[in-house]
Amino acid sequence: MKFLNFLYFYFRLKTRSLHCKGLLKARVKKGVEVHLNKPSKLTLGYGDGMIARFAWTGFNLNLMHNAKIILNGDSQIGFGSALSIDKNGIFEIGDQSYISAGATIRVAQRISIGNYCAISWNVTIMDSDFHHYQQADGTLSKSTREVIIGNNVWIGNNVIILKGVHIGNNAIIAAGSVVTKDVPPSTIVGGNPAQTIKANITPINPGFN
């Protein structure tokens, strides 16, 4: 299975840098690009013996027209996860960053994740409401704003990160939080909506190797 997935990515996307360890359900449209800023590998589907469950043996990948994946080193996304990049959308992930099982990542414009980020299971990250609402003055809401996650960020399980959020370097997001606004560097936030719990901290994250 892993070898067949490798062949699919090699012939469909002309890249050796995407690997899927389990079952793969993929939809790839024309113009999709995988860009490497350094020698890189993105592993889709990992979690043996971790939080991944038996049913979570696959990975869902949806890449629409002219979607782009930017890799800045080796990274991983766990089993049972779904990565969907809309037309002209950009997903970027840094070196030694991992996202655990059951993640949902939905990109309309841009989602960027830095280096040495540790993201737990069942996390949802999306940069859009994927619909508009009308305001009192008759104008439509802006439904899409990019999400930027800095370096060495910890994100607990079952966290939801919504459009327009920028998370600073060395921040920690407590489990179960809903993040609706920017998080300063070296800060712990938690709750719904997430609020500051503690400042002037630095997570110690050796990466996944």
C-alpha atoms as a PDB file:
ATOM      1  CA  MET A   1       0.000   0.000   0.000  1.00  0.00           C
ATOM      2  CA  LYS A   2       2.734   2.474   0.946  1.00  0.00           C
ATOM      3  CA  PHE A   3       4.583   1.743  -2.317  1.00  0.00           C
ATOM      4  CA  LEU A   4       1.416   2.172  -4.416  1.00  0.00           C
ATOM      5  CA  ASN A   5       0.758   5.505  -2.701  1.00  0.00           C
ATOM      6  CA  PHE A   6       4.327   6.560  -3.466  1.00  0.00           C
ATOM      7  CA  LEU A   7       3.801   5.730  -7.136  1.00  0.00           C
ATOM      8  CA  TYR A   8       0.533   7.683  -7.173  1.00  0.00           C
ATOM      9  CA  PHE A   9       2.205  10.825  -5.829  1.00  0.00           C
ATOM     10  CA  TYR A  10       5.215  10.383  -8.094  1.00  0.00           C
ATOM     11  CA  PHE A  11       3.228  10.071 -11.317  1.00  0.00           C
ATOM     12  CA  ARG A  12       0.298  12.347 -10.382  1.00  0.00           C
ATOM     13  CA  LEU A  13       2.212  15.161  -8.663  1.00  0.00           C
ATOM     14  CA  LYS A  14       5.780  14.531  -9.881  1.00  0.00           C
ATOM     15  CA  THR A  15       7.072  14.479  -6.293  1.00  0.00           C
ATOM     16  CA  ARG A  16       8.978  12.033  -4.115  1.00  0.00           C
ATOM     17  CA  SER A  17       8.250  14.067  -0.983  1.00  0.00           C
ATOM     18  CA  LEU A  18       4.708  12.890  -0.141  1.00  0.00           C
ATOM     19  CA  HIS A  19       4.300   9.504   1.540  1.00  0.00           C
ATOM     20  CA  CYS A  20       1.146   7.774   2.827  1.00  0.00           C
ATOM     21  CA  LYS A  21       1.551   4.768   5.129  1.00  0.00           C
ATOM     22  CA  GLY A  22      -2.049   3.498   5.070  1.00  0.00           C
ATOM     23  CA  LEU A  23      -5.125   3.679   2.891  1.00  0.00           C
ATOM     24  CA  LEU A  24      -5.349   6.831   0.789  1.00  0.00           C
ATOM     25  CA  LYS A  25      -8.438   8.528  -0.583  1.00  0.00           C
ATOM     26  CA  ALA A  26      -7.235  11.348  -2.834  1.00  0.00           C
ATOM     27  CA  ARG A  27      -8.722  13.845  -5.250  1.00  0.00           C
ATOM     28  CA  VAL A  28      -6.096  15.855  -7.113  1.00  0.00           C
ATOM     29  CA  LYS A  29      -7.044  18.482  -9.692  1.00  0.00           C
ATOM     30  CA  LYS A  30      -4.886  20.151 -12.354  1.00  0.00           C
ATOM     31  CA  GLY A  31      -2.145  22.591 -11.459  1.00  0.00           C
ATOM     32  CA  VAL A  32      -1.410  21.219  -7.983  1.00  0.00           C
ATOM     33  CA  GLU A  33       2.168  21.952  -6.880  1.00  0.00           C
ATOM     34  CA  VAL A  34       4.395  20.598  -4.106  1.00  0.00           C
ATOM     35  CA  HIS A  35       7.162  23.115  -3.382  1.00  0.00           C
ATOM     36  CA  LEU A  36      10.265  22.291  -1.319  1.00  0.00           C
ATOM     37  CA  ASN A  37      12.283  25.022   0.377  1.00  0.00           C
ATOM     38  CA  LYS A  38      14.777  22.335   1.483  1.00  0.00           C
ATOM     39  CA  PRO A  39      14.957  18.530   1.175  1.00  0.00           C
ATOM     40  CA  SER A  40      11.645  17.522   2.755  1.00  0.00           C
ATOM     41  CA  LYS A  41       9.168  14.705   3.353  1.00  0.00           C
ATOM     42  CA  LEU A  42       5.525  14.923   4.441  1.00  0.00           C
ATOM     43  CA  THR A  43       4.201  11.632   5.836  1.00  0.00           C
ATOM     44  CA  LEU A  44       0.426  11.270   5.656  1.00  0.00           C
ATOM     45  CA  GLY A  45      -0.801   8.653   8.093  1.00  0.00           C
ATOM     46  CA  TYR A  46       1.248   7.825  11.175  1.00  0.00           C
ATOM     47  CA  GLY A  47       0.360   6.935  14.758  1.00  0.00           C
ATOM     48  CA  ASP A  48       1.139   3.249  15.275  1.00  0.00           C
ATOM     49  CA  GLY A  49       0.557   2.542  18.965  1.00  0.00           C
ATOM     50  CA  MET A  50      -0.317   6.155  19.712  1.00  0.00           C
ATOM     51  CA  ILE A  51      -3.827   7.622  19.756  1.00  0.00           C
ATOM     52  CA  ALA A  52      -4.754   6.248  16.332  1.00  0.00           C
ATOM     53  CA  ARG A  53      -7.586   3.714  16.477  1.00  0.00           C
ATOM     54  CA  PHE A  54      -8.031   0.610  14.357  1.00  0.00           C
ATOM     55  CA  ALA A  55     -10.637   2.324  12.179  1.00  0.00           C
ATOM     56  CA  TRP A  56      -8.255   5.199  11.502  1.00  0.00           C
ATOM     57  CA  THR A  57      -6.113   3.447   8.931  1.00  0.00           C
ATOM     58  CA  GLY A  58      -6.485   5.903   6.096  1.00  0.00           C
ATOM     59  CA  PHE A  59      -5.956   9.494   5.017  1.00  0.00           C
ATOM     60  CA  ASN A  60      -8.219  11.849   3.057  1.00  0.00           C
ATOM     61  CA  LEU A  61      -6.512  14.275   0.680  1.00  0.00           C
ATOM     62  CA  ASN A  62      -8.396  16.818  -1.415  1.00  0.00           C
ATOM     63  CA  LEU A  63      -6.330  19.141  -3.628  1.00  0.00           C
ATOM     64  CA  MET A  64      -8.298  21.443  -5.893  1.00  0.00           C
ATOM     65  CA  HIS A  65      -7.074  23.387  -8.942  1.00  0.00           C
ATOM     66  CA  ASN A  66      -3.711  25.122  -8.443  1.00  0.00           C
ATOM     67  CA  ALA A  67      -3.507  24.168  -4.771  1.00  0.00           C
ATOM     68  CA  LYS A  68      -0.010  24.347  -3.330  1.00  0.00           C
ATOM     69  CA  ILE A  69       1.762  22.428  -0.552  1.00  0.00           C
ATOM     70  CA  ILE A  70       4.958  24.049   0.748  1.00  0.00           C
ATOM     71  CA  LEU A  71       7.347  21.860   2.754  1.00  0.00           C
ATOM     72  CA  ASN A  72      10.156  23.316   4.861  1.00  0.00           C
ATOM     73  CA  GLY A  73      11.537  20.006   6.153  1.00  0.00           C
ATOM     74  CA  ASP A  74      10.215  16.665   7.418  1.00  0.00           C
ATOM     75  CA  SER A  75       6.705  16.628   8.891  1.00  0.00           C
ATOM     76  CA  GLN A  76       3.850  14.243   9.676  1.00  0.00           C
ATOM     77  CA  ILE A  77       0.047  14.175   9.777  1.00  0.00           C
ATOM     78  CA  GLY A  78      -1.648  11.277  11.581  1.00  0.00           C
ATOM     79  CA  PHE A  79      -4.045   8.521  10.526  1.00  0.00           C
ATOM     80  CA  GLY A  80      -7.707   9.368  10.155  1.00  0.00           C
ATOM     81  CA  SER A  81      -6.920  12.936   9.163  1.00  0.00           C
ATOM     82  CA  ALA A  82      -8.214  15.032   6.277  1.00  0.00           C
ATOM     83  CA  LEU A  83      -6.295  17.744   4.418  1.00  0.00           C
ATOM     84  CA  SER A  84      -8.371  19.756   1.971  1.00  0.00           C
ATOM     85  CA  ILE A  85      -6.947  22.675  -0.023  1.00  0.00           C
ATOM     86  CA  ASP A  86      -9.358  24.721  -2.114  1.00  0.00           C
ATOM     87  CA  LYS A  87      -8.579  26.298  -5.493  1.00  0.00           C
ATOM     88  CA  ASN A  88      -5.415  28.447  -5.273  1.00  0.00           C
ATOM     89  CA  GLY A  89      -5.071  27.670  -1.559  1.00  0.00           C
ATOM     90  CA  ILE A  90      -1.702  27.187   0.148  1.00  0.00           C
ATOM     91  CA  PHE A  91      -0.793  24.807   2.974  1.00  0.00           C
ATOM     92  CA  GLU A  92       2.683  25.225   4.462  1.00  0.00           C
ATOM     93  CA  ILE A  93       4.297  23.126   7.196  1.00  0.00           C
ATOM     94  CA  GLY A  94       7.736  23.358   8.782  1.00  0.00           C
ATOM     95  CA  ASP A  95      10.515  21.020   9.815  1.00  0.00           C
ATOM     96  CA  GLN A  96       9.938  18.479  12.615  1.00  0.00           C
ATOM     97  CA  SER A  97       6.296  19.475  13.016  1.00  0.00           C
ATOM     98  CA  TYR A  98       3.625  16.836  13.530  1.00  0.00           C
ATOM     99  CA  ILE A  99      -0.155  16.697  13.651  1.00  0.00           C
ATOM    100  CA  SER A 100      -1.657  13.664  15.391  1.00  0.00           C
ATOM    101  CA  ALA A 101      -4.555  11.424  14.347  1.00  0.00           C
ATOM    102  CA  GLY A 102      -8.014  12.635  13.436  1.00  0.00           C
ATOM    103  CA  ALA A 103      -7.056  16.144  12.324  1.00  0.00           C
ATOM    104  CA  THR A 104      -9.195  18.230   9.995  1.00  0.00           C
ATOM    105  CA  ILE A 105      -7.333  20.905   8.016  1.00  0.00           C
ATOM    106  CA  ARG A 106      -9.413  22.967   5.585  1.00  0.00           C
ATOM    107  CA  VAL A 107      -7.600  25.594   3.523  1.00  0.00           C
ATOM    108  CA  ALA A 108      -9.394  28.236   1.476  1.00  0.00           C
ATOM    109  CA  GLN A 109      -6.585  30.800   1.309  1.00  0.00           C
ATOM    110  CA  ARG A 110      -3.525  29.919   3.405  1.00  0.00           C
ATOM    111  CA  ILE A 111      -2.660  27.936   6.519  1.00  0.00           C
ATOM    112  CA  SER A 112       0.971  28.041   7.603  1.00  0.00           C
ATOM    113  CA  ILE A 113       2.513  25.942  10.400  1.00  0.00           C
ATOM    114  CA  GLY A 114       6.067  26.632  11.589  1.00  0.00           C
ATOM    115  CA  ASN A 115       8.934  24.397  12.693  1.00  0.00           C
ATOM    116  CA  TYR A 116       8.884  22.076  15.728  1.00  0.00           C
ATOM    117  CA  CYS A 117       5.140  22.303  16.289  1.00  0.00           C
ATOM    118  CA  ALA A 118       3.439  19.544  18.301  1.00  0.00           C
ATOM    119  CA  ILE A 119      -0.265  19.305  17.444  1.00  0.00           C
ATOM    120  CA  SER A 120      -2.379  16.713  19.251  1.00  0.00           C
ATOM    121  CA  TRP A 121      -5.291  14.567  18.031  1.00  0.00           C
ATOM    122  CA  ASN A 122      -8.727  15.672  16.794  1.00  0.00           C
ATOM    123  CA  VAL A 123      -7.566  19.212  16.059  1.00  0.00           C
ATOM    124  CA  THR A 124      -9.445  21.330  13.522  1.00  0.00           C
ATOM    125  CA  ILE A 125      -7.739  24.207  11.681  1.00  0.00           C
ATOM    126  CA  MET A 126      -9.594  26.254   9.081  1.00  0.00           C
ATOM    127  CA  ASP A 127      -9.050  29.677   7.554  1.00  0.00           C
ATOM    128  CA  SER A 128     -12.596  30.316   6.399  1.00  0.00           C
ATOM    129  CA  ASP A 129     -16.254  30.114   7.416  1.00  0.00           C
ATOM    130  CA  PHE A 130     -16.825  28.856   3.852  1.00  0.00           C
ATOM    131  CA  HIS A 131     -19.927  31.029   3.653  1.00  0.00           C
ATOM    132  CA  HIS A 132     -20.910  34.707   4.061  1.00  0.00           C
ATOM    133  CA  TYR A 133     -23.448  36.495   6.203  1.00  0.00           C
ATOM    134  CA  GLN A 134     -24.988  39.912   5.570  1.00  0.00           C
ATOM    135  CA  GLN A 135     -24.255  42.691   8.050  1.00  0.00           C
ATOM    136  CA  ALA A 136     -26.622  45.456   9.188  1.00  0.00           C
ATOM    137  CA  ASP A 137     -25.271  47.892   6.585  1.00  0.00           C
ATOM    138  CA  GLY A 138     -25.904  45.399   3.801  1.00  0.00           C
ATOM    139  CA  THR A 139     -22.272  44.391   3.238  1.00  0.00           C
ATOM    140  CA  LEU A 140     -21.164  40.790   3.284  1.00  0.00           C
ATOM    141  CA  SER A 141     -18.809  39.433   5.905  1.00  0.00           C
ATOM    142  CA  LYS A 142     -15.253  38.486   4.999  1.00  0.00           C
ATOM    143  CA  SER A 143     -15.373  34.726   5.281  1.00  0.00           C
ATOM    144  CA  THR A 144     -11.676  33.928   4.685  1.00  0.00           C
ATOM    145  CA  ARG A 145      -8.507  35.061   6.513  1.00  0.00           C
ATOM    146  CA  GLU A 146      -5.213  33.172   6.654  1.00  0.00           C
ATOM    147  CA  VAL A 147      -4.082  31.219   9.718  1.00  0.00           C
ATOM    148  CA  ILE A 148      -0.430  31.478  10.753  1.00  0.00           C
ATOM    149  CA  ILE A 149       1.064  29.216  13.455  1.00  0.00           C
ATOM    150  CA  GLY A 150       4.603  30.077  14.559  1.00  0.00           C
ATOM    151  CA  ASN A 151       7.538  27.892  15.573  1.00  0.00           C
ATOM    152  CA  ASN A 152       7.629  25.510  18.562  1.00  0.00           C
ATOM    153  CA  VAL A 153       3.896  25.781  19.250  1.00  0.00           C
ATOM    154  CA  TRP A 154       2.011  23.149  21.276  1.00  0.00           C
ATOM    155  CA  ILE A 155      -1.661  22.557  20.496  1.00  0.00           C
ATOM    156  CA  GLY A 156      -3.671  20.209  22.727  1.00  0.00           C
ATOM    157  CA  ASN A 157      -6.273  17.655  21.667  1.00  0.00           C
ATOM    158  CA  ASN A 158      -9.703  18.708  20.397  1.00  0.00           C
ATOM    159  CA  VAL A 159      -8.637  22.299  19.770  1.00  0.00           C
ATOM    160  CA  ILE A 160     -10.397  24.366  17.087  1.00  0.00           C
ATOM    161  CA  ILE A 161      -8.446  27.160  15.390  1.00  0.00           C
ATOM    162  CA  LEU A 162     -10.570  29.534  13.341  1.00  0.00           C
ATOM    163  CA  LYS A 163      -9.952  31.976  10.510  1.00  0.00           C
ATOM    164  CA  GLY A 164      -7.567  34.892  10.873  1.00  0.00           C
ATOM    165  CA  VAL A 165      -5.733  33.551  13.926  1.00  0.00           C
ATOM    166  CA  HIS A 166      -1.987  34.163  14.263  1.00  0.00           C
ATOM    167  CA  ILE A 167      -0.271  32.114  16.971  1.00  0.00           C
ATOM    168  CA  GLY A 168       3.132  33.381  18.105  1.00  0.00           C
ATOM    169  CA  ASN A 169       6.293  31.332  18.598  1.00  0.00           C
ATOM    170  CA  ASN A 170       6.481  29.135  21.730  1.00  0.00           C
ATOM    171  CA  ALA A 171       2.757  29.415  22.513  1.00  0.00           C
ATOM    172  CA  ILE A 172       0.693  26.613  24.084  1.00  0.00           C
ATOM    173  CA  ILE A 173      -3.018  26.045  23.359  1.00  0.00           C
ATOM    174  CA  ALA A 174      -4.767  24.037  26.086  1.00  0.00           C
ATOM    175  CA  ALA A 175      -6.868  20.986  25.185  1.00  0.00           C
ATOM    176  CA  GLY A 176     -10.434  21.677  24.093  1.00  0.00           C
ATOM    177  CA  SER A 177      -9.865  25.349  23.363  1.00  0.00           C
ATOM    178  CA  VAL A 178     -11.552  27.355  20.620  1.00  0.00           C
ATOM    179  CA  VAL A 179      -9.088  29.948  19.319  1.00  0.00           C
ATOM    180  CA  THR A 180     -10.781  32.942  17.709  1.00  0.00           C
ATOM    181  CA  LYS A 181      -8.121  35.652  18.063  1.00  0.00           C
ATOM    182  CA  ASP A 182      -4.325  36.044  17.951  1.00  0.00           C
ATOM    183  CA  VAL A 183      -2.151  34.355  20.587  1.00  0.00           C
ATOM    184  CA  PRO A 184       0.997  36.244  21.688  1.00  0.00           C
ATOM    185  CA  PRO A 185       4.379  34.447  21.695  1.00  0.00           C
ATOM    186  CA  SER A 186       5.333  32.418  24.791  1.00  0.00           C
ATOM    187  CA  THR A 187       1.765  32.427  26.134  1.00  0.00           C
ATOM    188  CA  ILE A 188      -0.574  29.663  27.354  1.00  0.00           C
ATOM    189  CA  VAL A 189      -4.223  30.141  26.379  1.00  0.00           C
ATOM    190  CA  GLY A 190      -7.276  28.002  27.045  1.00  0.00           C
ATOM    191  CA  GLY A 191     -11.059  27.933  27.048  1.00  0.00           C
ATOM    192  CA  ASN A 192     -13.893  28.850  24.690  1.00  0.00           C
ATOM    193  CA  PRO A 193     -13.082  31.411  23.489  1.00  0.00           C
ATOM    194  CA  ALA A 194      -9.420  30.961  24.428  1.00  0.00           C
ATOM    195  CA  GLN A 195      -8.062  33.418  26.994  1.00  0.00           C
ATOM    196  CA  THR A 196      -4.580  33.977  28.420  1.00  0.00           C
ATOM    197  CA  ILE A 197      -3.656  31.635  31.293  1.00  0.00           C
ATOM    198  CA  LYS A 198       0.066  32.284  31.684  1.00  0.00           C
ATOM    199  CA  ALA A 199       2.789  34.292  29.921  1.00  0.00           C
ATOM    200  CA  ASN A 200       6.570  34.068  29.513  1.00  0.00           C
ATOM    201  CA  ILE A 201       6.771  30.293  28.916  1.00  0.00           C
ATOM    202  CA  THR A 202       8.754  28.188  26.431  1.00  0.00           C
ATOM    203  CA  PRO A 203       7.702  24.637  25.444  1.00  0.00           C
ATOM    204  CA  ILE A 204      10.510  22.076  25.216  1.00  0.00           C
ATOM    205  CA  ASN A 205       9.968  20.125  22.007  1.00  0.00           C
ATOM    206  CA  PRO A 206      12.712  17.911  20.579  1.00  0.00           C
ATOM    207  CA  GLY A 207      10.769  17.081  17.399  1.00  0.00           C
ATOM    208  CA  PHE A 208       9.635  13.637  16.300  1.00  0.00           C
ATOM    209  CA  ASN A 209      12.918  11.969  15.278  1.00  0.00           C
END
